[in-house]
C-alpha atoms as a PDB file:
ATOM      1  CA  MET A   1      94.307 147.502 105.549  1.00  0.00           C
ATOM      2  CA  ARG A   2      94.973 147.058 101.493  1.00  0.00           C
ATOM      3  CA  LEU A   3      98.179 145.406 102.453  1.00  0.00           C
ATOM      4  CA  ILE A   4      96.210 143.292 105.688  1.00  0.00           C
ATOM      5  CA  PHE A   5      93.438 142.111 103.074  1.00  0.00           C
ATOM      6  CA  LYS A   6      96.138 141.066 100.200  1.00  0.00           C
ATOM      7  CA  LEU A   7      98.441 138.697 103.053  1.00  0.00           C
ATOM      8  CA  SER A   8      94.537 137.096 104.544  1.00  0.00           C
ATOM      9  CA  ALA A   9      93.910 136.176 101.204  1.00  0.00           C
ATOM     10  CA  VAL A  10      97.434 134.448 100.164  1.00  0.00           C
ATOM     11  CA  LEU A  11      97.239 132.657 103.538  1.00  0.00           C
ATOM     12  CA  LEU A  12      93.773 131.938 102.372  1.00  0.00           C
ATOM     13  CA  SER A  13      94.935 130.572  98.916  1.00  0.00           C
ATOM     14  CA  CYS A  14      97.899 128.160 100.527  1.00  0.00           C
ATOM     15  CA  VAL A  15      95.755 127.051 103.266  1.00  0.00           C
ATOM     16  CA  ILE A  16      93.033 126.254 100.511  1.00  0.00           C
ATOM     17  CA  GLY A  17      95.913 124.662  98.679  1.00  0.00           C
ATOM     18  CA  ALA A  18      97.481 122.381 101.467  1.00  0.00           C
ATOM     19  CA  ALA A  19      93.856 121.534 102.030  1.00  0.00           C
ATOM     20  CA  ALA A  20      93.355 120.109  97.996  1.00  0.00           C
ATOM     21  CA  MET A  21      96.694 118.521  98.557  1.00  0.00           C
ATOM     22  CA  ALA A  22      95.649 116.593 101.744  1.00  0.00           C
ATOM     23  CA  GLN A  23      92.207 115.333 100.183  1.00  0.00           C
ATOM     24  CA  ASP A  24      94.395 115.037  96.845  1.00  0.00           C
ATOM     25  CA  GLY A  25      96.267 112.213  98.646  1.00  0.00           C
ATOM     26  CA  LEU A  26      99.181 114.028  98.231  1.00  0.00           C
ATOM     27  CA  ALA A  27     102.158 113.027 101.221  1.00  0.00           C
ATOM     28  CA  ASP A  28     104.206 115.624 102.675  1.00  0.00           C
ATOM     29  CA  HIS A  29     106.898 112.343 101.804  1.00  0.00           C
ATOM     30  CA  LYS A  30     106.756 109.522  99.035  1.00  0.00           C
ATOM     31  CA  LEU A  31     108.818 106.016 100.056  1.00  0.00           C
ATOM     32  CA  ALA A  32     108.615 102.911  97.700  1.00  0.00           C
ATOM     33  CA  LEU A  33     109.875 100.099  99.289  1.00  0.00           C
ATOM     34  CA  GLN A  34     111.177  96.856  96.885  1.00  0.00           C
ATOM     35  CA  ILE A  35     110.779  93.268  97.977  1.00  0.00           C
ATOM     36  CA  SER A  36     111.941  90.809  95.485  1.00  0.00           C
ATOM     37  CA  ASP A  37     113.091  88.174  97.016  1.00  0.00           C
ATOM     38  CA  ASN A  38     111.129  84.963  99.177  1.00  0.00           C
ATOM     39  CA  ASN A  39     113.308  85.572 102.303  1.00  0.00           C
ATOM     40  CA  PRO A  40     111.232  86.287 105.219  1.00  0.00           C
ATOM     41  CA  GLN A  41     113.936  88.340 107.191  1.00  0.00           C
ATOM     42  CA  LYS A  42     113.926  90.722 104.447  1.00  0.00           C
ATOM     43  CA  MET A  43     110.078  90.506 104.474  1.00  0.00           C
ATOM     44  CA  ASN A  44     110.333  91.763 107.947  1.00  0.00           C
ATOM     45  CA  THR A  45     112.866  93.844 107.130  1.00  0.00           C
ATOM     46  CA  VAL A  46     110.589  96.411 104.719  1.00  0.00           C
ATOM     47  CA  LEU A  47     107.734  96.265 106.989  1.00  0.00           C
ATOM     48  CA  ASN A  48     110.003  97.195 110.160  1.00  0.00           C
ATOM     49  CA  VAL A  49     111.199 100.164 107.793  1.00  0.00           C
ATOM     50  CA  ALA A  50     107.675 101.044 106.990  1.00  0.00           C
ATOM     51  CA  ALA A  51     106.813 101.484 110.086  1.00  0.00           C
ATOM     52  CA  ASN A  52     109.185 103.096 111.026  1.00  0.00           C
ATOM     53  CA  VAL A  53     109.628 105.873 108.521  1.00  0.00           C
ATOM     54  CA  VAL A  54     105.576 106.183 109.401  1.00  0.00           C
ATOM     55  CA  ARG A  55     106.143 106.818 112.511  1.00  0.00           C
ATOM     56  CA  HIS A  56     108.871 109.040 112.243  1.00  0.00           C
ATOM     57  CA  TYR A  57     107.098 111.800 109.896  1.00  0.00           C
ATOM     58  CA  GLU A  58     103.781 110.965 112.457  1.00  0.00           C
ATOM     59  CA  GLY A  59     105.644 111.978 115.122  1.00  0.00           C
ATOM     60  CA  LEU A  60     106.768 115.149 113.136  1.00  0.00           C
ATOM     61  CA  GLY A  61     103.311 115.895 111.971  1.00  0.00           C
ATOM     62  CA  GLU A  62     103.799 115.297 108.318  1.00  0.00           C
ATOM     63  CA  THR A  63     102.501 113.259 106.389  1.00  0.00           C
ATOM     64  CA  ILE A  64     104.480 110.239 104.862  1.00  0.00           C
ATOM     65  CA  GLU A  65     102.822 107.792 101.926  1.00  0.00           C
ATOM     66  CA  VAL A  66     104.571 104.100 101.686  1.00  0.00           C
ATOM     67  CA  ARG A  67     103.788 101.858  98.990  1.00  0.00           C
ATOM     68  CA  VAL A  68     105.833  98.459  99.134  1.00  0.00           C
ATOM     69  CA  VAL A  69     106.279  96.825  95.759  1.00  0.00           C
ATOM     70  CA  ALA A  70     107.059  93.005  95.686  1.00  0.00           C
ATOM     71  CA  PHE A  71     107.898  90.885  92.569  1.00  0.00           C
ATOM     72  CA  ASN A  72     109.490  87.693  91.602  1.00  0.00           C
ATOM     73  CA  ALA A  73     110.236  85.748  94.794  1.00  0.00           C
ATOM     74  CA  GLY A  74     109.521  88.024  96.998  1.00  0.00           C
ATOM     75  CA  LEU A  75     105.214  87.458  95.303  1.00  0.00           C
ATOM     76  CA  HIS A  76     105.305  85.566  98.435  1.00  0.00           C
ATOM     77  CA  MET A  77     105.490  88.115 101.007  1.00  0.00           C
ATOM     78  CA  LEU A  78     101.551  88.623  99.282  1.00  0.00           C
ATOM     79  CA  ARG A  79     100.534  85.574  98.930  1.00  0.00           C
ATOM     80  CA  GLU A  80      97.859  83.803 101.688  1.00  0.00           C
ATOM     81  CA  ASP A  81      99.293  80.600 101.443  1.00  0.00           C
ATOM     82  CA  THR A  82     103.532  80.744 101.674  1.00  0.00           C
ATOM     83  CA  SER A  83     103.560  84.690 103.498  1.00  0.00           C
ATOM     84  CA  PRO A  84     105.926  84.601 106.550  1.00  0.00           C
ATOM     85  CA  VAL A  85     104.598  87.809 107.646  1.00  0.00           C
ATOM     86  CA  LEU A  86     101.043  87.148 106.796  1.00  0.00           C
ATOM     87  CA  GLU A  87      99.669  88.458 110.504  1.00  0.00           C
ATOM     88  CA  ARG A  88     102.003  91.565 110.241  1.00  0.00           C
ATOM     89  CA  LEU A  89     100.904  91.739 106.693  1.00  0.00           C
ATOM     90  CA  GLN A  90      96.939  91.937 108.027  1.00  0.00           C
ATOM     91  CA  SER A  91      98.103  94.422 111.121  1.00  0.00           C
ATOM     92  CA  PHE A  92      99.571  96.896 108.870  1.00  0.00           C
ATOM     93  CA  SER A  93      96.140  97.166 106.997  1.00  0.00           C
ATOM     94  CA  SER A  94      94.137  98.194 110.026  1.00  0.00           C
ATOM     95  CA  SER A  95      96.572 100.088 111.525  1.00  0.00           C
ATOM     96  CA  MET A  96      98.644 101.904 108.781  1.00  0.00           C
ATOM     97  CA  PRO A  97      96.708 103.359 106.092  1.00  0.00           C
ATOM     98  CA  ASN A  98      99.002 104.668 104.651  1.00  0.00           C
ATOM     99  CA  VAL A  99     100.777 101.974 104.064  1.00  0.00           C
ATOM    100  CA  SER A 100      99.638  99.815 100.221  1.00  0.00           C
ATOM    101  CA  PHE A 101     100.956  96.926  98.644  1.00  0.00           C
ATOM    102  CA  ALA A 102     101.594  96.282  95.173  1.00  0.00           C
ATOM    103  CA  ALA A 103     102.189  92.658  93.675  1.00  0.00           C
ATOM    104  CA  CYS A 104     103.163  92.023  90.664  1.00  0.00           C
ATOM    105  CA  ALA A 105     101.143  90.619  87.953  1.00  0.00           C
ATOM    106  CA  ASN A 106     103.970  89.027  85.961  1.00  0.00           C
ATOM    107  CA  THR A 107     105.069  87.239  89.183  1.00  0.00           C
ATOM    108  CA  ILE A 108     101.448  86.011  89.578  1.00  0.00           C
ATOM    109  CA  SER A 109     100.976  84.900  85.371  1.00  0.00           C
ATOM    110  CA  GLY A 110     103.938  82.992  85.926  1.00  0.00           C
ATOM    111  CA  MET A 111     103.395  81.316  89.290  1.00  0.00           C
ATOM    112  CA  THR A 112     100.543  80.993  87.578  1.00  0.00           C
ATOM    113  CA  LYS A 113     101.771  78.659  84.858  1.00  0.00           C
ATOM    114  CA  LYS A 114     104.066  76.915  86.996  1.00  0.00           C
ATOM    115  CA  GLU A 115     101.921  76.164  89.750  1.00  0.00           C
ATOM    116  CA  GLY A 116      98.329  75.281  87.145  1.00  0.00           C
ATOM    117  CA  LYS A 117      96.394  77.945  89.647  1.00  0.00           C
ATOM    118  CA  ALA A 118      96.491  81.476  90.342  1.00  0.00           C
ATOM    119  CA  PRO A 119      98.350  82.387  93.919  1.00  0.00           C
ATOM    120  CA  PRO A 120      96.291  83.782  96.395  1.00  0.00           C
ATOM    121  CA  ILE A 121      97.174  87.165  96.998  1.00  0.00           C
ATOM    122  CA  VAL A 122      95.868  89.221  99.850  1.00  0.00           C
ATOM    123  CA  ALA A 123      93.230  91.369  99.978  1.00  0.00           C
ATOM    124  CA  MET A 124      95.349  94.752 100.402  1.00  0.00           C
ATOM    125  CA  ALA A 125      97.242  94.302  97.780  1.00  0.00           C
ATOM    126  CA  GLU A 126      96.767  95.909  94.508  1.00  0.00           C
ATOM    127  CA  THR A 127      97.354  94.564  91.585  1.00  0.00           C
ATOM    128  CA  VAL A 128     100.029  96.094  89.458  1.00  0.00           C
ATOM    129  CA  PRO A 129     100.995  95.085  85.902  1.00  0.00           C
ATOM    130  CA  ALA A 130     104.817  95.043  86.531  1.00  0.00           C
ATOM    131  CA  GLY A 131     106.331  94.899  89.580  1.00  0.00           C
ATOM    132  CA  VAL A 132     109.333  96.763  88.202  1.00  0.00           C
ATOM    133  CA  VAL A 133     107.265  99.630  86.065  1.00  0.00           C
ATOM    134  CA  ASP A 134     105.562  99.998  89.413  1.00  0.00           C
ATOM    135  CA  LEU A 135     108.943 101.169  90.782  1.00  0.00           C
ATOM    136  CA  MET A 136     109.901 103.650  87.670  1.00  0.00           C
ATOM    137  CA  THR A 137     106.638 105.095  87.263  1.00  0.00           C
ATOM    138  CA  LEU A 138     106.739 105.892  91.114  1.00  0.00           C
ATOM    139  CA  ASP A 139     110.514 106.635  90.914  1.00  0.00           C
ATOM    140  CA  GLU A 140     109.484 109.473  87.663  1.00  0.00           C
ATOM    141  CA  ASN A 141     106.623 110.924  90.055  1.00  0.00           C
ATOM    142  CA  GLY A 142     109.367 112.103  93.116  1.00  0.00           C
ATOM    143  CA  TRP A 143     108.616 108.792  95.175  1.00  0.00           C
ATOM    144  CA  THR A 144     111.979 107.257  96.933  1.00  0.00           C
ATOM    145  CA  LEU A 145     112.613 104.482  96.317  1.00  0.00           C
ATOM    146  CA  VAL A 146     114.761 102.027  98.046  1.00  0.00           C
ATOM    147  CA  ARG A 147     115.524  98.159  98.746  1.00  0.00           C
ATOM    148  CA  PRO A 148     116.224  97.197 102.192  1.00  0.00           C
END
């Protein structure tokens, strides 16, 4: 009887731990995708990879978090005025909540100086101080980095 009680306690601890991880936003898999080129084909490839990976792991019943980090010329992907993939971005925000977007503040600053005004960034994008530093931090925290 004691053995059953101990096993039940262990199982309960595992279930509680898994629920806590889910609530903390910890995913089974974490993928960071880099976009640093102003190339519509590469931007679409990044979005295709994100969608395919999400569908794959969700099909297995596993959780996945994907973060697309845009810097340098790749920031055009997240600009409301120049993004060649704006429609796809908008559909991602509603259909794939586990895919997030990060815009490099260094690149935004450079574009602001060059253009005389701040570029309009899509609402679903989070601004990070430096895109490369964001990728490094994600890597240091166990994320898989890919540059499609």
